[in-house]
PDB file of all heavy atoms in Angstrom:
ATOM      1  N   SER A   1       9.480  43.904 -36.405  1.00  0.00           N
ATOM      2  CA  SER A   1       9.185  42.816 -35.465  1.00  0.00           C
ATOM      3  C   SER A   1       8.102  43.208 -34.480  1.00  0.00           C
ATOM      4  O   SER A   1       8.125  44.305 -33.908  1.00  0.00           O
ATOM      5  CB  SER A   1      10.459  42.416 -34.728  1.00  0.00           C
ATOM      6  OG  SER A   1      10.201  41.377 -33.812  1.00  0.00           O
ATOM      7  N   VAL A   2       7.110  42.299 -34.262  1.00  0.00           N
ATOM      8  CA  VAL A   2       6.056  42.528 -33.296  1.00  0.00           C
ATOM      9  C   VAL A   2       5.865  41.250 -32.460  1.00  0.00           C
ATOM     10  O   VAL A   2       6.411  40.190 -32.767  1.00  0.00           O
ATOM     11  CB  VAL A   2       4.710  42.882 -33.982  1.00  0.00           C
ATOM     12  CG1 VAL A   2       4.803  44.225 -34.688  1.00  0.00           C
ATOM     13  CG2 VAL A   2       4.288  41.783 -34.955  1.00  0.00           C
ATOM     14  N   ASP A   3       5.072  41.369 -31.416  1.00  0.00           N
ATOM     15  CA  ASP A   3       4.773  40.235 -30.561  1.00  0.00           C
ATOM     16  C   ASP A   3       3.792  39.272 -31.263  1.00  0.00           C
ATOM     17  O   ASP A   3       2.994  39.694 -32.087  1.00  0.00           O
ATOM     18  CB  ASP A   3       4.149  40.725 -29.236  1.00  0.00           C
ATOM     19  CG  ASP A   3       4.018  39.606 -28.232  1.00  0.00           C
ATOM     20  OD1 ASP A   3       4.977  39.360 -27.484  1.00  0.00           O
ATOM     21  OD2 ASP A   3       2.946  38.970 -28.212  1.00  0.00           O
ATOM     22  N   VAL A   4       3.877  37.989 -30.918  1.00  0.00           N
ATOM     23  CA  VAL A   4       3.010  37.002 -31.546  1.00  0.00           C
ATOM     24  C   VAL A   4       1.528  37.310 -31.308  1.00  0.00           C
ATOM     25  O   VAL A   4       0.649  36.901 -32.102  1.00  0.00           O
ATOM     26  CB  VAL A   4       3.360  35.562 -31.066  1.00  0.00           C
ATOM     27  CG1 VAL A   4       2.984  35.367 -29.596  1.00  0.00           C
ATOM     28  CG2 VAL A   4       2.716  34.522 -31.958  1.00  0.00           C
ATOM     29  N   ALA A   5       1.187  38.046 -30.242  1.00  0.00           N
ATOM     30  CA  ALA A   5      -0.204  38.403 -29.982  1.00  0.00           C
ATOM     31  C   ALA A   5      -0.779  39.240 -31.122  1.00  0.00           C
ATOM     32  O   ALA A   5      -1.988  39.133 -31.425  1.00  0.00           O
ATOM     33  CB  ALA A   5      -0.313  39.186 -28.682  1.00  0.00           C
ATOM     34  N   ALA A   6       0.042  40.020 -31.782  1.00  0.00           N
ATOM     35  CA  ALA A   6      -0.437  40.824 -32.920  1.00  0.00           C
ATOM     36  C   ALA A   6      -0.841  39.914 -34.071  1.00  0.00           C
ATOM     37  O   ALA A   6      -1.849  40.168 -34.751  1.00  0.00           O
ATOM     38  CB  ALA A   6       0.646  41.803 -33.375  1.00  0.00           C
ATOM     39  N   TYR A   7      -0.075  38.835 -34.287  1.00  0.00           N
ATOM     40  CA  TYR A   7      -0.458  37.891 -35.344  1.00  0.00           C
ATOM     41  C   TYR A   7      -1.737  37.138 -34.948  1.00  0.00           C
ATOM     42  O   TYR A   7      -2.593  36.918 -35.819  1.00  0.00           O
ATOM     43  CB  TYR A   7       0.653  36.899 -35.617  1.00  0.00           C
ATOM     44  CG  TYR A   7       0.213  35.871 -36.635  1.00  0.00           C
ATOM     45  CD1 TYR A   7       0.041  36.224 -37.978  1.00  0.00           C
ATOM     46  CD2 TYR A   7      -0.060  34.551 -36.278  1.00  0.00           C
ATOM     47  CE1 TYR A   7      -0.384  35.318 -38.923  1.00  0.00           C
ATOM     48  CE2 TYR A   7      -0.498  33.638 -37.215  1.00  0.00           C
ATOM     49  CZ  TYR A   7      -0.662  34.018 -38.528  1.00  0.00           C
ATOM     50  OH  TYR A   7      -1.107  33.110 -39.466  1.00  0.00           O
ATOM     51  N   GLU A   8      -1.866  36.768 -33.696  1.00  0.00           N
ATOM     52  CA  GLU A   8      -3.086  36.072 -33.271  1.00  0.00           C
ATOM     53  C   GLU A   8      -4.320  36.927 -33.517  1.00  0.00           C
ATOM     54  O   GLU A   8      -5.342  36.436 -33.960  1.00  0.00           O
ATOM     55  CB  GLU A   8      -2.958  35.685 -31.788  1.00  0.00           C
ATOM     56  CG  GLU A   8      -2.044  34.504 -31.539  1.00  0.00           C
ATOM     57  CD  GLU A   8      -2.582  33.229 -32.175  1.00  0.00           C
ATOM     58  OE1 GLU A   8      -3.569  32.676 -31.675  1.00  0.00           O
ATOM     59  OE2 GLU A   8      -2.037  32.830 -33.217  1.00  0.00           O
ATOM     60  N   THR A   9      -4.224  38.208 -33.219  1.00  0.00           N
ATOM     61  CA  THR A   9      -5.336  39.124 -33.472  1.00  0.00           C
ATOM     62  C   THR A   9      -5.656  39.148 -34.970  1.00  0.00           C
ATOM     63  O   THR A   9      -6.835  39.097 -35.380  1.00  0.00           O
ATOM     64  CB  THR A   9      -4.996  40.536 -32.981  1.00  0.00           C
ATOM     65  OG1 THR A   9      -4.782  40.496 -31.561  1.00  0.00           O
ATOM     66  CG2 THR A   9      -6.104  41.523 -33.284  1.00  0.00           C
ATOM     67  N   HIS A  10      -4.638  39.224 -35.784  1.00  0.00           N
ATOM     68  CA  HIS A  10      -4.795  39.238 -37.229  1.00  0.00           C
ATOM     69  C   HIS A  10      -5.450  37.948 -37.732  1.00  0.00           C
ATOM     70  O   HIS A  10      -6.412  37.969 -38.501  1.00  0.00           O
ATOM     71  CB  HIS A  10      -3.404  39.424 -37.874  1.00  0.00           C
ATOM     72  CG  HIS A  10      -3.342  39.304 -39.343  1.00  0.00           C
ATOM     73  ND1 HIS A  10      -3.852  40.271 -40.193  1.00  0.00           N
ATOM     74  CD2 HIS A  10      -2.808  38.336 -40.147  1.00  0.00           C
ATOM     75  CE1 HIS A  10      -3.639  39.908 -41.445  1.00  0.00           C
ATOM     76  NE2 HIS A  10      -3.000  38.748 -41.443  1.00  0.00           N
ATOM     77  N   ARG A  11      -4.913  36.805 -37.288  1.00  0.00           N
ATOM     78  CA  ARG A  11      -5.416  35.500 -37.726  1.00  0.00           C
ATOM     79  C   ARG A  11      -6.873  35.285 -37.338  1.00  0.00           C
ATOM     80  O   ARG A  11      -7.704  34.850 -38.158  1.00  0.00           O
ATOM     81  CB  ARG A  11      -4.539  34.380 -37.111  1.00  0.00           C
ATOM     82  CG  ARG A  11      -5.004  32.981 -37.424  1.00  0.00           C
ATOM     83  CD  ARG A  11      -4.206  31.946 -36.684  1.00  0.00           C
ATOM     84  NE  ARG A  11      -4.412  31.946 -35.234  1.00  0.00           N
ATOM     85  CZ  ARG A  11      -5.420  31.347 -34.624  1.00  0.00           C
ATOM     86  NH1 ARG A  11      -6.367  30.733 -35.320  1.00  0.00           N
ATOM     87  NH2 ARG A  11      -5.515  31.397 -33.304  1.00  0.00           N
ATOM     88  N   ILE A  12      -7.186  35.588 -36.090  1.00  0.00           N
ATOM     89  CA  ILE A  12      -8.540  35.354 -35.597  1.00  0.00           C
ATOM     90  C   ILE A  12      -9.544  36.274 -36.300  1.00  0.00           C
ATOM     91  O   ILE A  12     -10.640  35.837 -36.674  1.00  0.00           O
ATOM     92  CB  ILE A  12      -8.588  35.536 -34.064  1.00  0.00           C
ATOM     93  CG1 ILE A  12      -7.826  34.378 -33.392  1.00  0.00           C
ATOM     94  CG2 ILE A  12     -10.021  35.616 -33.560  1.00  0.00           C
ATOM     95  CD1 ILE A  12      -7.607  34.581 -31.922  1.00  0.00           C
ATOM     96  N   ALA A  13      -9.169  37.510 -36.560  1.00  0.00           N
ATOM     97  CA  ALA A  13     -10.076  38.424 -37.245  1.00  0.00           C
ATOM     98  C   ALA A  13     -10.394  37.913 -38.660  1.00  0.00           C
ATOM     99  O   ALA A  13     -11.512  38.116 -39.152  1.00  0.00           O
ATOM    100  CB  ALA A  13      -9.456  39.814 -37.316  1.00  0.00           C
ATOM    101  N   LEU A  14      -9.423  37.252 -39.301  1.00  0.00           N
ATOM    102  CA  LEU A  14      -9.664  36.702 -40.626  1.00  0.00           C
ATOM    103  C   LEU A  14     -10.426  35.395 -40.605  1.00  0.00           C
ATOM    104  O   LEU A  14     -10.881  34.901 -41.656  1.00  0.00           O
ATOM    105  CB  LEU A  14      -8.324  36.486 -41.350  1.00  0.00           C
ATOM    106  CG  LEU A  14      -7.563  37.744 -41.759  1.00  0.00           C
ATOM    107  CD1 LEU A  14      -6.199  37.358 -42.344  1.00  0.00           C
ATOM    108  CD2 LEU A  14      -8.351  38.578 -42.760  1.00  0.00           C
ATOM    109  N   GLY A  15     -10.561  34.773 -39.436  1.00  0.00           N
ATOM    110  CA  GLY A  15     -11.244  33.502 -39.338  1.00  0.00           C
ATOM    111  C   GLY A  15     -10.420  32.310 -39.747  1.00  0.00           C
ATOM    112  O   GLY A  15     -10.954  31.291 -40.182  1.00  0.00           O
ATOM    113  N   LEU A  16      -9.098  32.392 -39.585  1.00  0.00           N
ATOM    114  CA  LEU A  16      -8.203  31.313 -40.004  1.00  0.00           C
ATOM    115  C   LEU A  16      -7.962  30.330 -38.854  1.00  0.00           C
ATOM    116  O   LEU A  16      -7.430  30.704 -37.823  1.00  0.00           O
ATOM    117  CB  LEU A  16      -6.854  31.874 -40.462  1.00  0.00           C
ATOM    118  CG  LEU A  16      -6.913  32.871 -41.636  1.00  0.00           C
ATOM    119  CD1 LEU A  16      -5.531  33.411 -41.932  1.00  0.00           C
ATOM    120  CD2 LEU A  16      -7.521  32.214 -42.861  1.00  0.00           C
ATOM    121  N   PRO A  17      -8.311  29.048 -39.049  1.00  0.00           N
ATOM    122  CA  PRO A  17      -8.121  28.069 -37.972  1.00  0.00           C
ATOM    123  C   PRO A  17      -6.655  27.753 -37.743  1.00  0.00           C
ATOM    124  O   PRO A  17      -5.818  27.886 -38.640  1.00  0.00           O
ATOM    125  CB  PRO A  17      -8.874  26.835 -38.503  1.00  0.00           C
ATOM    126  CG  PRO A  17      -8.838  26.984 -39.992  1.00  0.00           C
ATOM    127  CD  PRO A  17      -8.918  28.463 -40.244  1.00  0.00           C
ATOM    128  N   ASP A  18      -6.345  27.347 -36.534  1.00  0.00           N
ATOM    129  CA  ASP A  18      -4.984  26.955 -36.163  1.00  0.00           C
ATOM    130  C   ASP A  18      -5.025  25.567 -35.541  1.00  0.00           C
ATOM    131  O   ASP A  18      -5.046  25.400 -34.325  1.00  0.00           O
ATOM    132  CB  ASP A  18      -4.403  27.972 -35.194  1.00  0.00           C
ATOM    133  CG  ASP A  18      -2.955  27.613 -34.790  1.00  0.00           C
ATOM    134  OD1 ASP A  18      -2.310  26.884 -35.547  1.00  0.00           O
ATOM    135  OD2 ASP A  18      -2.519  28.079 -33.709  1.00  0.00           O
ATOM    136  N   GLY A  19      -5.052  24.560 -36.412  1.00  0.00           N
ATOM    137  CA  GLY A  19      -4.949  23.177 -35.996  1.00  0.00           C
ATOM    138  C   GLY A  19      -5.861  22.791 -34.845  1.00  0.00           C
ATOM    139  O   GLY A  19      -7.031  23.204 -34.761  1.00  0.00           O
ATOM    140  N   ALA A  20      -5.331  22.013 -33.919  1.00  0.00           N
ATOM    141  CA  ALA A  20      -6.123  21.472 -32.813  1.00  0.00           C
ATOM    142  C   ALA A  20      -6.557  22.533 -31.819  1.00  0.00           C
ATOM    143  O   ALA A  20      -7.377  22.260 -30.948  1.00  0.00           O
ATOM    144  CB  ALA A  20      -5.353  20.376 -32.101  1.00  0.00           C
ATOM    145  N   ARG A  21      -6.043  23.763 -31.926  1.00  0.00           N
ATOM    146  CA  ARG A  21      -6.550  24.830 -31.079  1.00  0.00           C
ATOM    147  C   ARG A  21      -7.980  25.220 -31.493  1.00  0.00           C
ATOM    148  O   ARG A  21      -8.749  25.713 -30.669  1.00  0.00           O
ATOM    149  CB  ARG A  21      -5.647  26.054 -31.184  1.00  0.00           C
ATOM    150  CG  ARG A  21      -4.235  25.829 -30.692  1.00  0.00           C
ATOM    151  CD  ARG A  21      -3.373  27.032 -30.946  1.00  0.00           C
ATOM    152  NE  ARG A  21      -3.842  28.196 -30.214  1.00  0.00           N
ATOM    153  CZ  ARG A  21      -3.561  29.452 -30.545  1.00  0.00           C
ATOM    154  NH1 ARG A  21      -2.855  29.716 -31.636  1.00  0.00           N
ATOM    155  NH2 ARG A  21      -3.999  30.438 -29.800  1.00  0.00           N
ATOM    156  N   ASP A  22      -8.305  25.006 -32.767  1.00  0.00           N
ATOM    157  CA  ASP A  22      -9.606  25.413 -33.274  1.00  0.00           C
ATOM    158  C   ASP A  22     -10.406  24.256 -33.832  1.00  0.00           C
ATOM    159  O   ASP A  22     -11.586  24.425 -34.151  1.00  0.00           O
ATOM    160  CB  ASP A  22      -9.442  26.490 -34.361  1.00  0.00           C
ATOM    161  CG  ASP A  22      -8.847  27.769 -33.801  1.00  0.00           C
ATOM    162  OD1 ASP A  22      -9.385  28.279 -32.832  1.00  0.00           O
ATOM    163  OD2 ASP A  22      -7.822  28.242 -34.343  1.00  0.00           O
ATOM    164  N   MET A  23      -9.784  23.099 -33.969  1.00  0.00           N
ATOM    165  CA  MET A  23     -10.490  21.912 -34.468  1.00  0.00           C
ATOM    166  C   MET A  23     -10.205  20.752 -33.517  1.00  0.00           C
ATOM    167  O   MET A  23      -9.169  20.748 -32.857  1.00  0.00           O
ATOM    168  CB  MET A  23     -10.017  21.565 -35.890  1.00  0.00           C
ATOM    169  CG  MET A  23     -10.385  22.634 -36.912  1.00  0.00           C
ATOM    170  SD  MET A  23      -9.697  22.305 -38.569  1.00  0.00           S
ATOM    171  CE  MET A  23      -8.065  23.054 -38.380  1.00  0.00           C
ATOM    172  N   THR A  24     -11.110  19.816 -33.477  1.00  0.00           N
ATOM    173  CA  THR A  24     -10.978  18.687 -32.551  1.00  0.00           C
ATOM    174  C   THR A  24     -10.492  17.467 -33.314  1.00  0.00           C
ATOM    175  O   THR A  24     -11.199  16.946 -34.182  1.00  0.00           O
ATOM    176  CB  THR A  24     -12.333  18.362 -31.886  1.00  0.00           C
ATOM    177  OG1 THR A  24     -12.829  19.537 -31.258  1.00  0.00           O
ATOM    178  CG2 THR A  24     -12.164  17.251 -30.850  1.00  0.00           C
ATOM    179  N   PRO A  25      -9.258  17.002 -33.029  1.00  0.00           N
ATOM    180  CA  PRO A  25      -8.763  15.824 -33.735  1.00  0.00           C
ATOM    181  C   PRO A  25      -9.693  14.635 -33.616  1.00  0.00           C
ATOM    182  O   PRO A  25     -10.249  14.354 -32.556  1.00  0.00           O
ATOM    183  CB  PRO A  25      -7.399  15.563 -33.047  1.00  0.00           C
ATOM    184  CG  PRO A  25      -6.996  16.907 -32.570  1.00  0.00           C
ATOM    185  CD  PRO A  25      -8.265  17.576 -32.132  1.00  0.00           C
ATOM    186  N   GLU A  26      -9.874  13.958 -34.760  1.00  0.00           N
ATOM    187  CA  GLU A  26     -10.696  12.744 -34.894  1.00  0.00           C
ATOM    188  C   GLU A  26     -12.195  13.038 -34.716  1.00  0.00           C
ATOM    189  O   GLU A  26     -12.982  12.106 -34.593  1.00  0.00           O
ATOM    190  CB  GLU A  26     -10.221  11.633 -33.963  1.00  0.00           C
ATOM    191  CG  GLU A  26      -8.772  11.268 -34.234  1.00  0.00           C
ATOM    192  CD  GLU A  26      -8.349   9.975 -33.570  1.00  0.00           C
ATOM    193  OE1 GLU A  26      -9.211   9.178 -33.176  1.00  0.00           O
ATOM    194  OE2 GLU A  26      -7.130   9.772 -33.421  1.00  0.00           O
ATOM    195  N   LYS A  27     -12.596  14.305 -34.720  1.00  0.00           N
ATOM    196  CA  LYS A  27     -14.016  14.665 -34.657  1.00  0.00           C
ATOM    197  C   LYS A  27     -14.383  15.711 -35.718  1.00  0.00           C
ATOM    198  O   LYS A  27     -15.410  15.584 -36.367  1.00  0.00           O
ATOM    199  CB  LYS A  27     -14.402  15.187 -33.260  1.00  0.00           C
ATOM    200  CG  LYS A  27     -14.388  14.109 -32.195  1.00  0.00           C
ATOM    201  CD  LYS A  27     -14.931  14.635 -30.866  1.00  0.00           C
ATOM    202  CE  LYS A  27     -14.965  13.547 -29.819  1.00  0.00           C
ATOM    203  NZ  LYS A  27     -15.505  14.050 -28.520  1.00  0.00           N
ATOM    204  N   SER A  28     -13.559  16.764 -35.836  1.00  0.00           N
ATOM    205  CA  SER A  28     -13.899  17.835 -36.788  1.00  0.00           C
ATOM    206  C   SER A  28     -13.745  17.349 -38.236  1.00  0.00           C
ATOM    207  O   SER A  28     -12.971  16.439 -38.547  1.00  0.00           O
ATOM    208  CB  SER A  28     -12.959  19.033 -36.569  1.00  0.00           C
ATOM    209  OG  SER A  28     -13.182  19.624 -35.334  1.00  0.00           O
ATOM    210  N   ILE A  29     -14.527  18.002 -39.121  1.00  0.00           N
ATOM    211  CA  ILE A  29     -14.389  17.727 -40.564  1.00  0.00           C
ATOM    212  C   ILE A  29     -13.925  19.021 -41.241  1.00  0.00           C
ATOM    213  O   ILE A  29     -14.188  20.135 -40.764  1.00  0.00           O
ATOM    214  CB  ILE A  29     -15.674  17.174 -41.188  1.00  0.00           C
ATOM    215  CG1 ILE A  29     -16.849  18.142 -41.012  1.00  0.00           C
ATOM    216  CG2 ILE A  29     -16.009  15.818 -40.588  1.00  0.00           C
ATOM    217  CD1 ILE A  29     -18.107  17.661 -41.677  1.00  0.00           C
ATOM    218  N   LEU A  30     -13.230  18.875 -42.360  1.00  0.00           N
ATOM    219  CA  LEU A  30     -12.553  20.009 -42.992  1.00  0.00           C
ATOM    220  C   LEU A  30     -13.486  21.132 -43.375  1.00  0.00           C
ATOM    221  O   LEU A  30     -13.182  22.306 -43.175  1.00  0.00           O
ATOM    222  CB  LEU A  30     -11.775  19.530 -44.199  1.00  0.00           C
ATOM    223  CG  LEU A  30     -10.627  18.573 -43.946  1.00  0.00           C
ATOM    224  CD1 LEU A  30      -9.811  18.376 -45.228  1.00  0.00           C
ATOM    225  CD2 LEU A  30      -9.720  19.038 -42.815  1.00  0.00           C
ATOM    226  N   LEU A  31     -14.636  20.786 -43.971  1.00  0.00           N
ATOM    227  CA  LEU A  31     -15.473  21.848 -44.531  1.00  0.00           C
ATOM    228  C   LEU A  31     -16.225  22.640 -43.473  1.00  0.00           C
ATOM    229  O   LEU A  31     -16.750  23.727 -43.771  1.00  0.00           O
ATOM    230  CB  LEU A  31     -16.451  21.254 -45.556  1.00  0.00           C
ATOM    231  CG  LEU A  31     -15.800  20.478 -46.703  1.00  0.00           C
ATOM    232  CD1 LEU A  31     -16.788  20.276 -47.849  1.00  0.00           C
ATOM    233  CD2 LEU A  31     -14.535  21.157 -47.219  1.00  0.00           C
ATOM    234  N   GLU A  32     -16.256  22.171 -42.236  1.00  0.00           N
ATOM    235  CA  GLU A  32     -16.776  22.996 -41.140  1.00  0.00           C
ATOM    236  C   GLU A  32     -15.790  24.102 -40.769  1.00  0.00           C
ATOM    237  O   GLU A  32     -16.176  25.051 -40.104  1.00  0.00           O
ATOM    238  CB  GLU A  32     -16.999  22.121 -39.885  1.00  0.00           C
ATOM    239  CG  GLU A  32     -18.077  21.076 -40.018  1.00  0.00           C
ATOM    240  CD  GLU A  32     -18.132  20.150 -38.800  1.00  0.00           C
ATOM    241  OE1 GLU A  32     -17.199  20.184 -37.970  1.00  0.00           O
ATOM    242  OE2 GLU A  32     -19.112  19.393 -38.700  1.00  0.00           O
ATOM    243  N   ASN A  33     -14.560  23.962 -41.209  1.00  0.00           N
ATOM    244  CA  ASN A  33     -13.502  24.868 -40.763  1.00  0.00           C
ATOM    245  C   ASN A  33     -12.840  25.643 -41.901  1.00  0.00           C
ATOM    246  O   ASN A  33     -11.715  26.112 -41.779  1.00  0.00           O
ATOM    247  CB  ASN A  33     -12.453  24.032 -40.008  1.00  0.00           C
ATOM    248  CG  ASN A  33     -13.029  23.448 -38.733  1.00  0.00           C
ATOM    249  OD1 ASN A  33     -13.171  24.138 -37.741  1.00  0.00           O
ATOM    250  ND2 ASN A  33     -13.389  22.178 -38.778  1.00  0.00           N
ATOM    251  N   GLY A  34     -13.565  25.729 -43.023  1.00  0.00           N
ATOM    252  CA  GLY A  34     -13.145  26.610 -44.097  1.00  0.00           C
ATOM    253  C   GLY A  34     -12.109  26.057 -45.058  1.00  0.00           C
ATOM    254  O   GLY A  34     -11.566  26.818 -45.891  1.00  0.00           O
ATOM    255  N   PHE A  35     -11.816  24.765 -45.026  1.00  0.00           N
ATOM    256  CA  PHE A  35     -10.747  24.225 -45.869  1.00  0.00           C
ATOM    257  C   PHE A  35     -11.060  24.335 -47.363  1.00  0.00           C
ATOM    258  O   PHE A  35     -10.141  24.358 -48.178  1.00  0.00           O
ATOM    259  CB  PHE A  35     -10.432  22.786 -45.490  1.00  0.00           C
ATOM    260  CG  PHE A  35      -9.425  22.657 -44.398  1.00  0.00           C
ATOM    261  CD1 PHE A  35      -9.736  23.002 -43.091  1.00  0.00           C
ATOM    262  CD2 PHE A  35      -8.129  22.214 -44.662  1.00  0.00           C
ATOM    263  CE1 PHE A  35      -8.817  22.899 -42.085  1.00  0.00           C
ATOM    264  CE2 PHE A  35      -7.198  22.099 -43.655  1.00  0.00           C
ATOM    265  CZ  PHE A  35      -7.539  22.453 -42.352  1.00  0.00           C
ATOM    266  N   ASP A  36     -12.319  24.361 -47.731  1.00  0.00           N
ATOM    267  CA  ASP A  36     -12.661  24.512 -49.124  1.00  0.00           C
ATOM    268  C   ASP A  36     -12.285  25.917 -49.612  1.00  0.00           C
ATOM    269  O   ASP A  36     -11.464  26.086 -50.518  1.00  0.00           O
ATOM    270  CB  ASP A  36     -14.157  24.246 -49.314  1.00  0.00           C
ATOM    271  CG  ASP A  36     -14.539  24.130 -50.811  1.00  0.00           C
ATOM    272  OD1 ASP A  36     -13.649  24.247 -51.651  1.00  0.00           O
ATOM    273  OD2 ASP A  36     -15.739  23.937 -51.080  1.00  0.00           O
ATOM    274  N   GLU A  37     -12.833  26.935 -48.961  1.00  0.00           N
ATOM    275  CA  GLU A  37     -12.569  28.305 -49.379  1.00  0.00           C
ATOM    276  C   GLU A  37     -11.118  28.710 -49.129  1.00  0.00           C
ATOM    277  O   GLU A  37     -10.597  29.634 -49.784  1.00  0.00           O
ATOM    278  CB  GLU A  37     -13.488  29.268 -48.607  1.00  0.00           C
ATOM    279  CG  GLU A  37     -14.966  29.002 -48.798  1.00  0.00           C
ATOM    280  CD  GLU A  37     -15.564  28.246 -47.611  1.00  0.00           C
ATOM    281  OE1 GLU A  37     -14.974  27.183 -47.265  1.00  0.00           O
ATOM    282  OE2 GLU A  37     -16.556  28.697 -47.059  1.00  0.00           O
ATOM    283  N   LEU A  38     -10.437  28.083 -48.168  1.00  0.00           N
ATOM    284  CA  LEU A  38      -9.080  28.455 -47.825  1.00  0.00           C
ATOM    285  C   LEU A  38      -8.042  27.605 -48.563  1.00  0.00           C
ATOM    286  O   LEU A  38      -6.880  27.522 -48.165  1.00  0.00           O
ATOM    287  CB  LEU A  38      -8.867  28.324 -46.304  1.00  0.00           C
ATOM    288  CG  LEU A  38      -9.698  29.283 -45.480  1.00  0.00           C
ATOM    289  CD1 LEU A  38      -9.511  28.992 -43.980  1.00  0.00           C
ATOM    290  CD2 LEU A  38      -9.350  30.747 -45.749  1.00  0.00           C
ATOM    291  N   ASN A  39      -8.474  26.970 -49.656  1.00  0.00           N
ATOM    292  CA  ASN A  39      -7.549  26.267 -50.549  1.00  0.00           C
ATOM    293  C   ASN A  39      -6.826  25.115 -49.909  1.00  0.00           C
ATOM    294  O   ASN A  39      -5.694  24.793 -50.275  1.00  0.00           O
ATOM    295  CB  ASN A  39      -6.521  27.253 -51.145  1.00  0.00           C
ATOM    296  CG  ASN A  39      -7.174  28.427 -51.827  1.00  0.00           C
ATOM    297  OD1 ASN A  39      -8.058  28.252 -52.665  1.00  0.00           O
ATOM    298  ND2 ASN A  39      -6.768  29.643 -51.473  1.00  0.00           N
ATOM    299  N   GLY A  40      -7.510  24.443 -48.965  1.00  0.00           N
ATOM    300  CA  GLY A  40      -6.902  23.317 -48.268  1.00  0.00           C
ATOM    301  C   GLY A  40      -7.277  21.962 -48.804  1.00  0.00           C
ATOM    302  O   GLY A  40      -6.788  20.924 -48.314  1.00  0.00           O
ATOM    303  N   VAL A  41      -8.145  21.932 -49.840  1.00  0.00           N
ATOM    304  CA  VAL A  41      -8.597  20.678 -50.440  1.00  0.00           C
ATOM    305  C   VAL A  41      -8.513  20.824 -51.955  1.00  0.00           C
ATOM    306  O   VAL A  41      -8.944  21.836 -52.519  1.00  0.00           O
ATOM    307  CB  VAL A  41     -10.047  20.343 -50.050  1.00  0.00           C
ATOM    308  CG1 VAL A  41     -10.494  19.033 -50.691  1.00  0.00           C
ATOM    309  CG2 VAL A  41     -10.220  20.276 -48.548  1.00  0.00           C
ATOM    310  N   ASP A  42      -7.983  19.808 -52.625  1.00  0.00           N
ATOM    311  CA  ASP A  42      -8.013  19.761 -54.074  1.00  0.00           C
ATOM    312  C   ASP A  42      -9.048  18.731 -54.495  1.00  0.00           C
ATOM    313  O   ASP A  42      -8.933  17.558 -54.159  1.00  0.00           O
ATOM    314  CB  ASP A  42      -6.640  19.415 -54.643  1.00  0.00           C
ATOM    315  CG  ASP A  42      -6.574  19.529 -56.153  1.00  0.00           C
ATOM    316  OD1 ASP A  42      -7.155  18.639 -56.837  1.00  0.00           O
ATOM    317  OD2 ASP A  42      -5.997  20.498 -56.651  1.00  0.00           O
ATOM    318  N   TRP A  43     -10.060  19.184 -55.247  1.00  0.00           N
ATOM    319  CA  TRP A  43     -11.186  18.314 -55.589  1.00  0.00           C
ATOM    320  C   TRP A  43     -10.905  17.476 -56.822  1.00  0.00           C
ATOM    321  O   TRP A  43     -11.709  16.624 -57.190  1.00  0.00           O
ATOM    322  CB  TRP A  43     -12.448  19.148 -55.787  1.00  0.00           C
ATOM    323  CG  TRP A  43     -12.809  19.920 -54.566  1.00  0.00           C
ATOM    324  CD1 TRP A  43     -12.652  21.261 -54.353  1.00  0.00           C
ATOM    325  CD2 TRP A  43     -13.347  19.398 -53.347  1.00  0.00           C
ATOM    326  NE1 TRP A  43     -13.073  21.597 -53.095  1.00  0.00           N
ATOM    327  CE2 TRP A  43     -13.492  20.490 -52.446  1.00  0.00           C
ATOM    328  CE3 TRP A  43     -13.712  18.107 -52.932  1.00  0.00           C
ATOM    329  CZ2 TRP A  43     -14.000  20.317 -51.167  1.00  0.00           C
ATOM    330  CZ3 TRP A  43     -14.222  17.953 -51.643  1.00  0.00           C
ATOM    331  CH2 TRP A  43     -14.354  19.047 -50.764  1.00  0.00           C
ATOM    332  N   LYS A  44      -9.759  17.669 -57.488  1.00  0.00           N
ATOM    333  CA  LYS A  44      -9.492  16.962 -58.729  1.00  0.00           C
ATOM    334  C   LYS A  44      -8.305  15.987 -58.605  1.00  0.00           C
ATOM    335  O   LYS A  44      -7.960  15.336 -59.574  1.00  0.00           O
ATOM    336  CB  LYS A  44      -9.181  17.954 -59.849  1.00  0.00           C
ATOM    337  CG  LYS A  44     -10.363  18.882 -60.157  1.00  0.00           C
ATOM    338  CD  LYS A  44      -9.978  19.887 -61.248  1.00  0.00           C
ATOM    339  CE  LYS A  44     -11.152  20.814 -61.557  1.00  0.00           C
ATOM    340  NZ  LYS A  44     -10.795  21.824 -62.608  1.00  0.00           N
TER     341      LYS A  44
END
C-alpha cells in the first residue's frame, strides 16, 4: 500500500489523462488527449 500521490506521479509521467482534470468538458476532443493510442476509440 502507498499514498495516492505515488500513483499520480506514475500516471502523469506516462502521460495518461484523468477526465476533467486534464480535459475540458464540451471543448476538448479525444485525439488531442491520446484516446487513439490509449485504446479509447474503436474505429470499426
